[in-house]
Amino acid sequence: MGYEVEVKPRALKDLATIPLGDADRVLEKIEELKAGFSGGVKRLSRHWPEYRLRVGSYRVLFAVESERVVVYRVLHRKEAYR
């Protein structure tokens, strides 16, 4: 099952603040979401957005809306769940 990936402007701002090598890895993992969920994806309880993707020390917070993955934030793990 393939998904369309939408990255919100706030997530793009988050990506601009992290080191370039880490940002490249995060973008690669976001692209892999098009093919479906693989390792590193976990459903969050009592948190919005509903899912997180772990990429090293960074967390990609996203939600699934029918056939679409919407990426809301890309944060360091110490800031992701506040």
PDB file of N, CA and C in Angstrom:
ATOM      1  N   MET A   1       0.852  -1.183   0.000  1.00  0.00           N
ATOM      2  CA  MET A   1       0.000   0.000   0.000  1.00  0.00           C
ATOM      3  C   MET A   1       0.892   1.238   0.000  1.00  0.00           C
ATOM      4  N   GLY A   2       0.696   2.123  -0.940  1.00  0.00           N
ATOM      5  CA  GLY A   2       1.491   3.334  -1.042  1.00  0.00           C
ATOM      6  C   GLY A   2       0.763   4.535  -0.465  1.00  0.00           C
ATOM      7  N   TYR A   3       1.516   5.440   0.062  1.00  0.00           N
ATOM      8  CA  TYR A   3       0.975   6.655   0.657  1.00  0.00           C
ATOM      9  C   TYR A   3       1.529   7.870  -0.067  1.00  0.00           C
ATOM     10  N   GLU A   4       0.751   8.922  -0.059  1.00  0.00           N
ATOM     11  CA  GLU A   4       1.215  10.231  -0.496  1.00  0.00           C
ATOM     12  C   GLU A   4       1.736  10.924   0.751  1.00  0.00           C
ATOM     13  N   VAL A   5       2.892  11.569   0.678  1.00  0.00           N
ATOM     14  CA  VAL A   5       3.489  12.209   1.848  1.00  0.00           C
ATOM     15  C   VAL A   5       3.382  13.724   1.706  1.00  0.00           C
ATOM     16  N   GLU A   6       2.842  14.363   2.736  1.00  0.00           N
ATOM     17  CA  GLU A   6       2.753  15.825   2.791  1.00  0.00           C
ATOM     18  C   GLU A   6       3.565  16.291   3.990  1.00  0.00           C
ATOM     19  N   VAL A   7       4.456  17.248   3.773  1.00  0.00           N
ATOM     20  CA  VAL A   7       5.275  17.797   4.847  1.00  0.00           C
ATOM     21  C   VAL A   7       4.790  19.213   5.116  1.00  0.00           C
ATOM     22  N   LYS A   8       4.341  19.452   6.330  1.00  0.00           N
ATOM     23  CA  LYS A   8       3.813  20.759   6.712  1.00  0.00           C
ATOM     24  C   LYS A   8       4.950  21.788   6.817  1.00  0.00           C
ATOM     25  N   PRO A   9       4.645  23.078   6.663  1.00  0.00           N
ATOM     26  CA  PRO A   9       5.680  24.126   6.743  1.00  0.00           C
ATOM     27  C   PRO A   9       6.461  24.111   8.064  1.00  0.00           C
ATOM     28  N   ARG A  10       5.798  23.799   9.165  1.00  0.00           N
ATOM     29  CA  ARG A  10       6.496  23.766  10.454  1.00  0.00           C
ATOM     30  C   ARG A  10       7.568  22.670  10.460  1.00  0.00           C
ATOM     31  N   ALA A  11       7.286  21.535   9.839  1.00  0.00           N
ATOM     32  CA  ALA A  11       8.271  20.454   9.753  1.00  0.00           C
ATOM     33  C   ALA A  11       9.454  20.862   8.878  1.00  0.00           C
ATOM     34  N   LEU A  12       9.195  21.616   7.822  1.00  0.00           N
ATOM     35  CA  LEU A  12      10.288  22.114   6.982  1.00  0.00           C
ATOM     36  C   LEU A  12      11.177  23.075   7.758  1.00  0.00           C
ATOM     37  N   LYS A  13      10.589  23.926   8.600  1.00  0.00           N
ATOM     38  CA  LYS A  13      11.381  24.820   9.453  1.00  0.00           C
ATOM     39  C   LYS A  13      12.214  24.015  10.435  1.00  0.00           C
ATOM     40  N   ASP A  14      11.629  22.962  10.999  1.00  0.00           N
ATOM     41  CA  ASP A  14      12.368  22.095  11.913  1.00  0.00           C
ATOM     42  C   ASP A  14      13.567  21.467  11.200  1.00  0.00           C
ATOM     43  N   LEU A  15      13.368  21.006   9.982  1.00  0.00           N
ATOM     44  CA  LEU A  15      14.458  20.389   9.216  1.00  0.00           C
ATOM     45  C   LEU A  15      15.585  21.377   8.944  1.00  0.00           C
ATOM     46  N   ALA A  16      15.240  22.640   8.748  1.00  0.00           N
ATOM     47  CA  ALA A  16      16.250  23.655   8.457  1.00  0.00           C
ATOM     48  C   ALA A  16      17.150  23.929   9.661  1.00  0.00           C
ATOM     49  N   THR A  17      16.695  23.582  10.859  1.00  0.00           N
ATOM     50  CA  THR A  17      17.482  23.883  12.058  1.00  0.00           C
ATOM     51  C   THR A  17      18.408  22.743  12.473  1.00  0.00           C
ATOM     52  N   ILE A  18      18.267  21.560  11.892  1.00  0.00           N
ATOM     53  CA  ILE A  18      19.105  20.436  12.313  1.00  0.00           C
ATOM     54  C   ILE A  18      20.293  20.302  11.363  1.00  0.00           C
ATOM     55  N   PRO A  19      21.379  19.664  11.808  1.00  0.00           N
ATOM     56  CA  PRO A  19      22.568  19.513  10.949  1.00  0.00           C
ATOM     57  C   PRO A  19      22.244  18.825   9.626  1.00  0.00           C
ATOM     58  N   LEU A  20      22.993  19.201   8.597  1.00  0.00           N
ATOM     59  CA  LEU A  20      22.700  18.767   7.229  1.00  0.00           C
ATOM     60  C   LEU A  20      22.708  17.248   7.072  1.00  0.00           C
ATOM     61  N   GLY A  21      23.672  16.557   7.633  1.00  0.00           N
ATOM     62  CA  GLY A  21      23.732  15.095   7.512  1.00  0.00           C
ATOM     63  C   GLY A  21      22.524  14.432   8.142  1.00  0.00           C
ATOM     64  N   ASP A  22      22.105  14.932   9.311  1.00  0.00           N
ATOM     65  CA  ASP A  22      20.921  14.389   9.972  1.00  0.00           C
ATOM     66  C   ASP A  22      19.665  14.696   9.167  1.00  0.00           C
ATOM     67  N   ALA A  23      19.591  15.897   8.606  1.00  0.00           N
ATOM     68  CA  ALA A  23      18.426  16.270   7.805  1.00  0.00           C
ATOM     69  C   ALA A  23      18.296  15.373   6.579  1.00  0.00           C
ATOM     70  N   ASP A  24      19.423  15.026   5.959  1.00  0.00           N
ATOM     71  CA  ASP A  24      19.390  14.127   4.799  1.00  0.00           C
ATOM     72  C   ASP A  24      18.846  12.752   5.185  1.00  0.00           C
ATOM     73  N   ARG A  25      19.304  12.226   6.332  1.00  0.00           N
ATOM     74  CA  ARG A  25      18.811  10.927   6.802  1.00  0.00           C
ATOM     75  C   ARG A  25      17.317  10.973   7.096  1.00  0.00           C
ATOM     76  N   VAL A  26      16.865  12.066   7.706  1.00  0.00           N
ATOM     77  CA  VAL A  26      15.441  12.220   8.022  1.00  0.00           C
ATOM     78  C   VAL A  26      14.623  12.249   6.735  1.00  0.00           C
ATOM     79  N   LEU A  27      15.081  12.997   5.749  1.00  0.00           N
ATOM     80  CA  LEU A  27      14.352  13.082   4.481  1.00  0.00           C
ATOM     81  C   LEU A  27      14.284  11.728   3.775  1.00  0.00           C
ATOM     82  N   GLU A  28      15.352  10.949   3.849  1.00  0.00           N
ATOM     83  CA  GLU A  28      15.331   9.609   3.257  1.00  0.00           C
ATOM     84  C   GLU A  28      14.276   8.733   3.923  1.00  0.00           C
ATOM     85  N   LYS A  29      14.197   8.807   5.254  1.00  0.00           N
ATOM     86  CA  LYS A  29      13.213   8.001   5.986  1.00  0.00           C
ATOM     87  C   LYS A  29      11.789   8.462   5.683  1.00  0.00           C
ATOM     88  N   ILE A  30      11.598   9.766   5.527  1.00  0.00           N
ATOM     89  CA  ILE A  30      10.268  10.282   5.179  1.00  0.00           C
ATOM     90  C   ILE A  30       9.862   9.759   3.803  1.00  0.00           C
ATOM     91  N   GLU A  31      10.802   9.721   2.859  1.00  0.00           N
ATOM     92  CA  GLU A  31      10.521   9.186   1.527  1.00  0.00           C
ATOM     93  C   GLU A  31      10.140   7.712   1.594  1.00  0.00           C
ATOM     94  N   GLU A  32      10.754   6.965   2.519  1.00  0.00           N
ATOM     95  CA  GLU A  32      10.440   5.548   2.662  1.00  0.00           C
ATOM     96  C   GLU A  32       9.016   5.324   3.168  1.00  0.00           C
ATOM     97  N   LEU A  33       8.418   6.343   3.800  1.00  0.00           N
ATOM     98  CA  LEU A  33       7.038   6.217   4.264  1.00  0.00           C
ATOM     99  C   LEU A  33       6.062   6.062   3.102  1.00  0.00           C
ATOM    100  N   LYS A  34       6.457   6.493   1.904  1.00  0.00           N
ATOM    101  CA  LYS A  34       5.586   6.350   0.738  1.00  0.00           C
ATOM    102  C   LYS A  34       5.256   4.892   0.458  1.00  0.00           C
ATOM    103  N   ALA A  35       6.220   4.013   0.723  1.00  0.00           N
ATOM    104  CA  ALA A  35       6.033   2.591   0.449  1.00  0.00           C
ATOM    105  C   ALA A  35       5.273   1.891   1.569  1.00  0.00           C
ATOM    106  N   GLY A  36       5.208   2.500   2.735  1.00  0.00           N
ATOM    107  CA  GLY A  36       4.541   1.895   3.877  1.00  0.00           C
ATOM    108  C   GLY A  36       5.392   2.052   5.115  1.00  0.00           C
ATOM    109  N   PHE A  37       4.866   1.592   6.227  1.00  0.00           N
ATOM    110  CA  PHE A  37       5.556   1.747   7.496  1.00  0.00           C
ATOM    111  C   PHE A  37       6.554   0.614   7.671  1.00  0.00           C
ATOM    112  N   SER A  38       7.764   0.976   8.047  1.00  0.00           N
ATOM    113  CA  SER A  38       8.795  -0.027   8.297  1.00  0.00           C
ATOM    114  C   SER A  38       9.304   0.162   9.725  1.00  0.00           C
ATOM    115  N   GLY A  39      10.485  -0.348  10.021  1.00  0.00           N
ATOM    116  CA  GLY A  39      11.043  -0.233  11.359  1.00  0.00           C
ATOM    117  C   GLY A  39      11.183   1.206  11.807  1.00  0.00           C
ATOM    118  N   GLY A  40      11.041   1.428  13.088  1.00  0.00           N
ATOM    119  CA  GLY A  40      11.189   2.766  13.632  1.00  0.00           C
ATOM    120  C   GLY A  40       9.883   3.518  13.769  1.00  0.00           C
ATOM    121  N   VAL A  41       8.781   2.982  13.242  1.00  0.00           N
ATOM    122  CA  VAL A  41       7.479   3.632  13.353  1.00  0.00           C
ATOM    123  C   VAL A  41       6.737   3.044  14.548  1.00  0.00           C
ATOM    124  N   LYS A  42       6.195   3.920  15.365  1.00  0.00           N
ATOM    125  CA  LYS A  42       5.451   3.478  16.537  1.00  0.00           C
ATOM    126  C   LYS A  42       4.215   4.344  16.698  1.00  0.00           C
ATOM    127  N   ARG A  43       3.118   3.703  17.070  1.00  0.00           N
ATOM    128  CA  ARG A  43       1.890   4.448  17.338  1.00  0.00           C
ATOM    129  C   ARG A  43       1.982   5.006  18.751  1.00  0.00           C
ATOM    130  N   LEU A  44       1.672   6.291  18.903  1.00  0.00           N
ATOM    131  CA  LEU A  44       1.751   6.944  20.198  1.00  0.00           C
ATOM    132  C   LEU A  44       0.398   6.915  20.887  1.00  0.00           C
ATOM    133  N   SER A  45       0.404   6.740  22.177  1.00  0.00           N
ATOM    134  CA  SER A  45      -0.844   6.790  22.935  1.00  0.00           C
ATOM    135  C   SER A  45      -0.935   8.143  23.636  1.00  0.00           C
ATOM    136  N   ARG A  46      -2.102   8.690  23.633  1.00  0.00           N
ATOM    137  CA  ARG A  46      -2.379   9.986  24.268  1.00  0.00           C
ATOM    138  C   ARG A  46      -1.469  11.102  23.759  1.00  0.00           C
ATOM    139  N   HIS A  47      -1.242  11.112  22.477  1.00  0.00           N
ATOM    140  CA  HIS A  47      -0.387  12.150  21.908  1.00  0.00           C
ATOM    141  C   HIS A  47      -0.865  12.434  20.484  1.00  0.00           C
ATOM    142  N   TRP A  48      -0.768  13.653  20.072  1.00  0.00           N
ATOM    143  CA  TRP A  48      -1.074  14.024  18.697  1.00  0.00           C
ATOM    144  C   TRP A  48       0.140  14.673  18.113  1.00  0.00           C
ATOM    145  N   PRO A  49       0.590  14.360  16.961  1.00  0.00           N
ATOM    146  CA  PRO A  49       0.128  13.392  15.990  1.00  0.00           C
ATOM    147  C   PRO A  49       0.243  11.946  16.485  1.00  0.00           C
ATOM    148  N   GLU A  50      -0.406  11.054  15.786  1.00  0.00           N
ATOM    149  CA  GLU A  50      -0.587   9.688  16.257  1.00  0.00           C
ATOM    150  C   GLU A  50       0.650   8.796  16.169  1.00  0.00           C
ATOM    151  N   TYR A  51       1.574   9.087  15.273  1.00  0.00           N
ATOM    152  CA  TYR A  51       2.711   8.204  15.044  1.00  0.00           C
ATOM    153  C   TYR A  51       4.023   8.961  15.152  1.00  0.00           C
ATOM    154  N   ARG A  52       5.091   8.180  15.407  1.00  0.00           N
ATOM    155  CA  ARG A  52       6.423   8.754  15.358  1.00  0.00           C
ATOM    156  C   ARG A  52       7.336   7.811  14.598  1.00  0.00           C
ATOM    157  N   LEU A  53       8.275   8.412  13.884  1.00  0.00           N
ATOM    158  CA  LEU A  53       9.310   7.687  13.170  1.00  0.00           C
ATOM    159  C   LEU A  53      10.630   8.058  13.809  1.00  0.00           C
ATOM    160  N   ARG A  54      11.389   7.053  14.246  1.00  0.00           N
ATOM    161  CA  ARG A  54      12.661   7.299  14.906  1.00  0.00           C
ATOM    162  C   ARG A  54      13.773   7.298  13.869  1.00  0.00           C
ATOM    163  N   VAL A  55      14.537   8.404  13.829  1.00  0.00           N
ATOM    164  CA  VAL A  55      15.684   8.527  12.933  1.00  0.00           C
ATOM    165  C   VAL A  55      16.845   9.035  13.777  1.00  0.00           C
ATOM    166  N   GLY A  56      17.637   8.131  14.325  1.00  0.00           N
ATOM    167  CA  GLY A  56      18.738   8.525  15.204  1.00  0.00           C
ATOM    168  C   GLY A  56      18.191   9.235  16.429  1.00  0.00           C
ATOM    169  N   SER A  57      18.662  10.443  16.679  1.00  0.00           N
ATOM    170  CA  SER A  57      18.210  11.230  17.829  1.00  0.00           C
ATOM    171  C   SER A  57      16.991  12.086  17.515  1.00  0.00           C
ATOM    172  N   TYR A  58      16.481  11.976  16.310  1.00  0.00           N
ATOM    173  CA  TYR A  58      15.355  12.808  15.894  1.00  0.00           C
ATOM    174  C   TYR A  58      14.087  11.982  15.766  1.00  0.00           C
ATOM    175  N   ARG A  59      12.957  12.647  15.959  1.00  0.00           N
ATOM    176  CA  ARG A  59      11.653  12.012  15.842  1.00  0.00           C
ATOM    177  C   ARG A  59      10.834  12.778  14.813  1.00  0.00           C
ATOM    178  N   VAL A  60      10.247  12.032  13.889  1.00  0.00           N
ATOM    179  CA  VAL A  60       9.337  12.598  12.897  1.00  0.00           C
ATOM    180  C   VAL A  60       7.932  12.286  13.393  1.00  0.00           C
ATOM    181  N   LEU A  61       7.171  13.313  13.726  1.00  0.00           N
ATOM    182  CA  LEU A  61       5.807  13.137  14.231  1.00  0.00           C
ATOM    183  C   LEU A  61       4.839  13.324  13.079  1.00  0.00           C
ATOM    184  N   PHE A  62       4.010  12.300  12.849  1.00  0.00           N
ATOM    185  CA  PHE A  62       3.115  12.351  11.700  1.00  0.00           C
ATOM    186  C   PHE A  62       1.791  11.668  12.013  1.00  0.00           C
ATOM    187  N   ALA A  63       0.818  11.927  11.143  1.00  0.00           N
ATOM    188  CA  ALA A  63      -0.503  11.313  11.239  1.00  0.00           C
ATOM    189  C   ALA A  63      -0.850  10.721   9.878  1.00  0.00           C
ATOM    190  N   VAL A  64      -1.755   9.754   9.886  1.00  0.00           N
ATOM    191  CA  VAL A  64      -2.206   9.118   8.655  1.00  0.00           C
ATOM    192  C   VAL A  64      -3.647   9.528   8.433  1.00  0.00           C
ATOM    193  N   GLU A  65      -3.906  10.113   7.282  1.00  0.00           N
ATOM    194  CA  GLU A  65      -5.255  10.539   6.895  1.00  0.00           C
ATOM    195  C   GLU A  65      -5.601   9.819   5.594  1.00  0.00           C
ATOM    196  N   SER A  66      -6.348   8.745   5.691  1.00  0.00           N
ATOM    197  CA  SER A  66      -6.716   7.835   4.594  1.00  0.00           C
ATOM    198  C   SER A  66      -5.467   7.388   3.822  1.00  0.00           C
ATOM    199  N   GLU A  67      -5.233   7.874   2.628  1.00  0.00           N
ATOM    200  CA  GLU A  67      -4.099   7.456   1.791  1.00  0.00           C
ATOM    201  C   GLU A  67      -2.929   8.423   1.880  1.00  0.00           C
ATOM    202  N   ARG A  68      -2.908   9.254   2.922  1.00  0.00           N
ATOM    203  CA  ARG A  68      -1.924  10.325   3.000  1.00  0.00           C
ATOM    204  C   ARG A  68      -1.230  10.322   4.356  1.00  0.00           C
ATOM    205  N   VAL A  69       0.086  10.501   4.352  1.00  0.00           N
ATOM    206  CA  VAL A  69       0.877  10.674   5.567  1.00  0.00           C
ATOM    207  C   VAL A  69       1.202  12.164   5.669  1.00  0.00           C
ATOM    208  N   VAL A  70       0.827  12.778   6.789  1.00  0.00           N
ATOM    209  CA  VAL A  70       1.067  14.201   7.001  1.00  0.00           C
ATOM    210  C   VAL A  70       2.111  14.355   8.096  1.00  0.00           C
ATOM    211  N   VAL A  71       3.273  14.906   7.736  1.00  0.00           N
ATOM    212  CA  VAL A  71       4.374  15.106   8.679  1.00  0.00           C
ATOM    213  C   VAL A  71       4.200  16.493   9.302  1.00  0.00           C
ATOM    214  N   TYR A  72       4.065  16.518  10.641  1.00  0.00           N
ATOM    215  CA  TYR A  72       3.832  17.770  11.350  1.00  0.00           C
ATOM    216  C   TYR A  72       5.087  18.368  11.961  1.00  0.00           C
ATOM    217  N   ARG A  73       5.948  17.545  12.542  1.00  0.00           N
ATOM    218  CA  ARG A  73       7.140  18.066  13.207  1.00  0.00           C
ATOM    219  C   ARG A  73       8.311  17.113  13.011  1.00  0.00           C
ATOM    220  N   VAL A  74       9.517  17.665  13.081  1.00  0.00           N
ATOM    221  CA  VAL A  74      10.763  16.899  13.127  1.00  0.00           C
ATOM    222  C   VAL A  74      11.562  17.511  14.262  1.00  0.00           C
ATOM    223  N   LEU A  75      11.676  16.776  15.379  1.00  0.00           N
ATOM    224  CA  LEU A  75      12.286  17.322  16.585  1.00  0.00           C
ATOM    225  C   LEU A  75      13.328  16.369  17.159  1.00  0.00           C
ATOM    226  N   HIS A  76      14.253  16.949  17.930  1.00  0.00           N
ATOM    227  CA  HIS A  76      15.190  16.122  18.688  1.00  0.00           C
ATOM    228  C   HIS A  76      14.388  15.357  19.729  1.00  0.00           C
ATOM    229  N   ARG A  77      14.849  14.182  20.086  1.00  0.00           N
ATOM    230  CA  ARG A  77      14.068  13.314  20.971  1.00  0.00           C
ATOM    231  C   ARG A  77      13.788  13.927  22.328  1.00  0.00           C
ATOM    232  N   LYS A  78      14.656  14.808  22.827  1.00  0.00           N
ATOM    233  CA  LYS A  78      14.412  15.413  24.137  1.00  0.00           C
ATOM    234  C   LYS A  78      13.297  16.461  24.090  1.00  0.00           C
ATOM    235  N   GLU A  79      12.940  16.917  22.887  1.00  0.00           N
ATOM    236  CA  GLU A  79      11.896  17.942  22.760  1.00  0.00           C
ATOM    237  C   GLU A  79      10.600  17.404  22.153  1.00  0.00           C
ATOM    238  N   ALA A  80      10.622  16.197  21.648  1.00  0.00           N
ATOM    239  CA  ALA A  80       9.531  15.704  20.804  1.00  0.00           C
ATOM    240  C   ALA A  80       8.203  15.488  21.550  1.00  0.00           C
ATOM    241  N   TYR A  81       8.248  15.122  22.808  1.00  0.00           N
ATOM    242  CA  TYR A  81       7.006  14.707  23.485  1.00  0.00           C
ATOM    243  C   TYR A  81       6.546  15.693  24.551  1.00  0.00           C
ATOM    244  N   ARG A  82       7.010  16.893  24.508  1.00  0.00           N
ATOM    245  CA  ARG A  82       6.600  17.907  25.490  1.00  0.00           C
ATOM    246  C   ARG A  82       5.264  18.487  25.164  1.00  0.00           C
TER     247      ARG A  82
END
